[in-house]
Amino acid sequence: MKTPVVDQDTCTGCGLCADIAPDTFEVNDDGVAEVIDPQGDDEDTIQEAIDSCPVEAISWEE
């Protein structure tokens, strides 16, 4: 199963992923995105969030 992962060193905390897939991602207290539920949104929505990340900090992990 594919799981979205956030490279927190790369993430700028713009919040776009959380806007697109709010059941999967959130911006934490440190101001960077994290995965709160890998299956929170459907795969197409998560892929849209991955594609929308301006610094390409989100990817799929097998």
N, C-alpha and C. Protein backbone atom coordinates (compact mmCIF):
# COMPACT_ATOMS: atom_id res chain seq x y z
N MET A 1 0.84 -1.20 0.00
CA MET A 1 0.00 0.00 0.00
C MET A 1 0.87 1.25 0.00
N LYS A 2 0.49 2.21 -0.81
CA LYS A 2 1.23 3.47 -0.86
C LYS A 2 0.81 4.37 0.29
N THR A 3 1.79 5.04 0.88
CA THR A 3 1.55 5.95 1.99
C THR A 3 2.21 7.28 1.67
N PRO A 4 1.49 8.40 1.84
CA PRO A 4 2.13 9.69 1.63
C PRO A 4 3.07 10.03 2.79
N VAL A 5 4.22 10.59 2.45
CA VAL A 5 5.17 11.03 3.47
C VAL A 5 5.60 12.45 3.17
N VAL A 6 5.86 13.21 4.23
CA VAL A 6 6.30 14.60 4.10
C VAL A 6 7.76 14.68 4.54
N ASP A 7 8.59 15.25 3.68
CA ASP A 7 9.97 15.56 4.06
C ASP A 7 9.94 16.88 4.83
N GLN A 8 9.98 16.77 6.15
CA GLN A 8 9.79 17.95 6.98
C GLN A 8 10.97 18.92 6.92
N ASP A 9 12.12 18.46 6.44
CA ASP A 9 13.26 19.36 6.24
C ASP A 9 13.05 20.25 5.02
N THR A 10 12.29 19.75 4.05
CA THR A 10 12.02 20.50 2.81
C THR A 10 10.78 21.36 2.92
N CYS A 11 9.79 20.89 3.69
CA CYS A 11 8.49 21.56 3.80
C CYS A 11 8.64 23.00 4.28
N THR A 12 7.90 23.91 3.62
CA THR A 12 7.91 25.32 4.02
C THR A 12 6.66 25.69 4.82
N GLY A 13 5.75 24.72 5.01
CA GLY A 13 4.57 24.97 5.83
C GLY A 13 3.54 25.86 5.17
N CYS A 14 3.48 25.83 3.85
CA CYS A 14 2.53 26.70 3.14
C CYS A 14 1.07 26.30 3.41
N GLY A 15 0.85 25.03 3.75
CA GLY A 15 -0.49 24.57 4.09
C GLY A 15 -1.35 24.15 2.91
N LEU A 16 -0.80 24.17 1.71
CA LEU A 16 -1.59 23.80 0.53
C LEU A 16 -2.07 22.36 0.61
N CYS A 17 -1.22 21.46 1.08
CA CYS A 17 -1.62 20.05 1.17
C CYS A 17 -2.78 19.88 2.15
N ALA A 18 -2.73 20.62 3.26
CA ALA A 18 -3.81 20.53 4.24
C ALA A 18 -5.10 21.14 3.71
N ASP A 19 -5.00 22.14 2.85
CA ASP A 19 -6.19 22.73 2.21
C ASP A 19 -6.82 21.73 1.25
N ILE A 20 -5.99 21.01 0.49
CA ILE A 20 -6.48 20.08 -0.53
C ILE A 20 -6.94 18.77 0.09
N ALA A 21 -6.17 18.25 1.03
CA ALA A 21 -6.46 16.94 1.64
C ALA A 21 -6.43 17.07 3.17
N PRO A 22 -7.43 17.74 3.73
CA PRO A 22 -7.40 18.05 5.17
C PRO A 22 -7.53 16.85 6.09
N ASP A 23 -8.01 15.73 5.58
CA ASP A 23 -8.12 14.54 6.41
C ASP A 23 -6.83 13.71 6.40
N THR A 24 -5.87 14.13 5.54
CA THR A 24 -4.59 13.42 5.44
C THR A 24 -3.44 14.22 6.03
N PHE A 25 -3.45 15.54 5.76
CA PHE A 25 -2.33 16.39 6.17
C PHE A 25 -2.78 17.50 7.11
N GLU A 26 -1.86 17.93 7.99
CA GLU A 26 -2.07 19.14 8.76
C GLU A 26 -0.72 19.82 8.96
N VAL A 27 -0.76 21.12 9.19
CA VAL A 27 0.45 21.84 9.54
C VAL A 27 0.55 21.80 11.07
N ASN A 28 1.66 21.26 11.56
CA ASN A 28 1.80 21.05 13.00
C ASN A 28 2.29 22.31 13.72
N ASP A 29 2.51 22.20 15.01
CA ASP A 29 2.91 23.34 15.83
C ASP A 29 4.29 23.89 15.44
N ASP A 30 5.08 23.07 14.75
CA ASP A 30 6.40 23.51 14.29
C ASP A 30 6.31 24.25 12.96
N GLY A 31 5.10 24.34 12.39
CA GLY A 31 4.91 25.05 11.14
C GLY A 31 5.25 24.26 9.90
N VAL A 32 5.29 22.94 10.02
CA VAL A 32 5.52 22.08 8.86
C VAL A 32 4.41 21.05 8.76
N ALA A 33 4.18 20.59 7.54
CA ALA A 33 3.11 19.63 7.31
C ALA A 33 3.50 18.26 7.83
N GLU A 34 2.48 17.51 8.24
CA GLU A 34 2.68 16.12 8.62
C GLU A 34 1.45 15.32 8.20
N VAL A 35 1.65 14.02 8.05
CA VAL A 35 0.55 13.12 7.71
C VAL A 35 -0.17 12.75 9.01
N ILE A 36 -1.47 13.04 9.07
CA ILE A 36 -2.25 12.68 10.25
C ILE A 36 -3.04 11.39 10.03
N ASP A 37 -3.35 11.08 8.77
CA ASP A 37 -4.04 9.83 8.44
C ASP A 37 -3.72 9.49 6.98
N PRO A 38 -2.86 8.49 6.75
CA PRO A 38 -2.44 8.16 5.38
C PRO A 38 -3.59 7.80 4.43
N GLN A 39 -4.72 7.36 4.98
CA GLN A 39 -5.89 7.04 4.16
C GLN A 39 -7.03 8.02 4.41
N GLY A 40 -6.71 9.20 4.90
CA GLY A 40 -7.74 10.17 5.25
C GLY A 40 -8.54 10.67 4.07
N ASP A 41 -7.87 10.83 2.95
CA ASP A 41 -8.52 11.26 1.71
C ASP A 41 -8.26 10.20 0.65
N ASP A 42 -9.02 10.25 -0.46
CA ASP A 42 -8.80 9.26 -1.51
C ASP A 42 -7.48 9.55 -2.22
N GLU A 43 -6.98 8.52 -2.90
CA GLU A 43 -5.66 8.59 -3.52
C GLU A 43 -5.52 9.74 -4.50
N ASP A 44 -6.57 10.01 -5.29
CA ASP A 44 -6.51 11.11 -6.26
C ASP A 44 -6.35 12.46 -5.56
N THR A 45 -7.03 12.62 -4.43
CA THR A 45 -6.93 13.88 -3.68
C THR A 45 -5.54 14.03 -3.08
N ILE A 46 -5.01 12.95 -2.53
CA ILE A 46 -3.65 12.98 -1.98
C ILE A 46 -2.65 13.28 -3.09
N GLN A 47 -2.85 12.67 -4.26
CA GLN A 47 -1.95 12.93 -5.39
C GLN A 47 -2.01 14.40 -5.80
N GLU A 48 -3.19 14.99 -5.78
CA GLU A 48 -3.34 16.41 -6.09
C GLU A 48 -2.54 17.25 -5.10
N ALA A 49 -2.60 16.88 -3.82
CA ALA A 49 -1.83 17.60 -2.80
C ALA A 49 -0.32 17.45 -3.06
N ILE A 50 0.10 16.25 -3.42
CA ILE A 50 1.52 16.00 -3.73
C ILE A 50 1.95 16.86 -4.92
N ASP A 51 1.12 16.86 -5.96
CA ASP A 51 1.45 17.62 -7.17
C ASP A 51 1.43 19.12 -6.93
N SER A 52 0.66 19.57 -5.96
CA SER A 52 0.52 21.00 -5.69
C SER A 52 1.60 21.55 -4.76
N CYS A 53 2.35 20.68 -4.12
CA CYS A 53 3.37 21.14 -3.16
C CYS A 53 4.45 21.94 -3.90
N PRO A 54 4.62 23.21 -3.53
CA PRO A 54 5.56 24.08 -4.28
C PRO A 54 7.03 23.69 -4.11
N VAL A 55 7.36 22.95 -3.05
CA VAL A 55 8.75 22.55 -2.84
C VAL A 55 8.95 21.04 -2.98
N GLU A 56 7.91 20.34 -3.47
CA GLU A 56 7.96 18.90 -3.71
C GLU A 56 8.40 18.13 -2.47
N ALA A 57 7.81 18.50 -1.31
CA ALA A 57 8.20 17.87 -0.05
C ALA A 57 7.39 16.61 0.27
N ILE A 58 6.38 16.30 -0.55
CA ILE A 58 5.52 15.14 -0.27
C ILE A 58 5.74 14.10 -1.36
N SER A 59 5.82 12.85 -0.95
CA SER A 59 5.97 11.77 -1.93
C SER A 59 5.24 10.53 -1.42
N TRP A 60 5.13 9.55 -2.30
CA TRP A 60 4.55 8.26 -1.92
C TRP A 60 5.66 7.33 -1.45
N GLU A 61 5.37 6.54 -0.44
CA GLU A 61 6.28 5.50 0.02
C GLU A 61 5.54 4.19 -0.07
N GLU A 62 6.21 3.20 -0.64
CA GLU A 62 5.56 1.88 -0.78
C GLU A 62 5.57 1.14 0.54
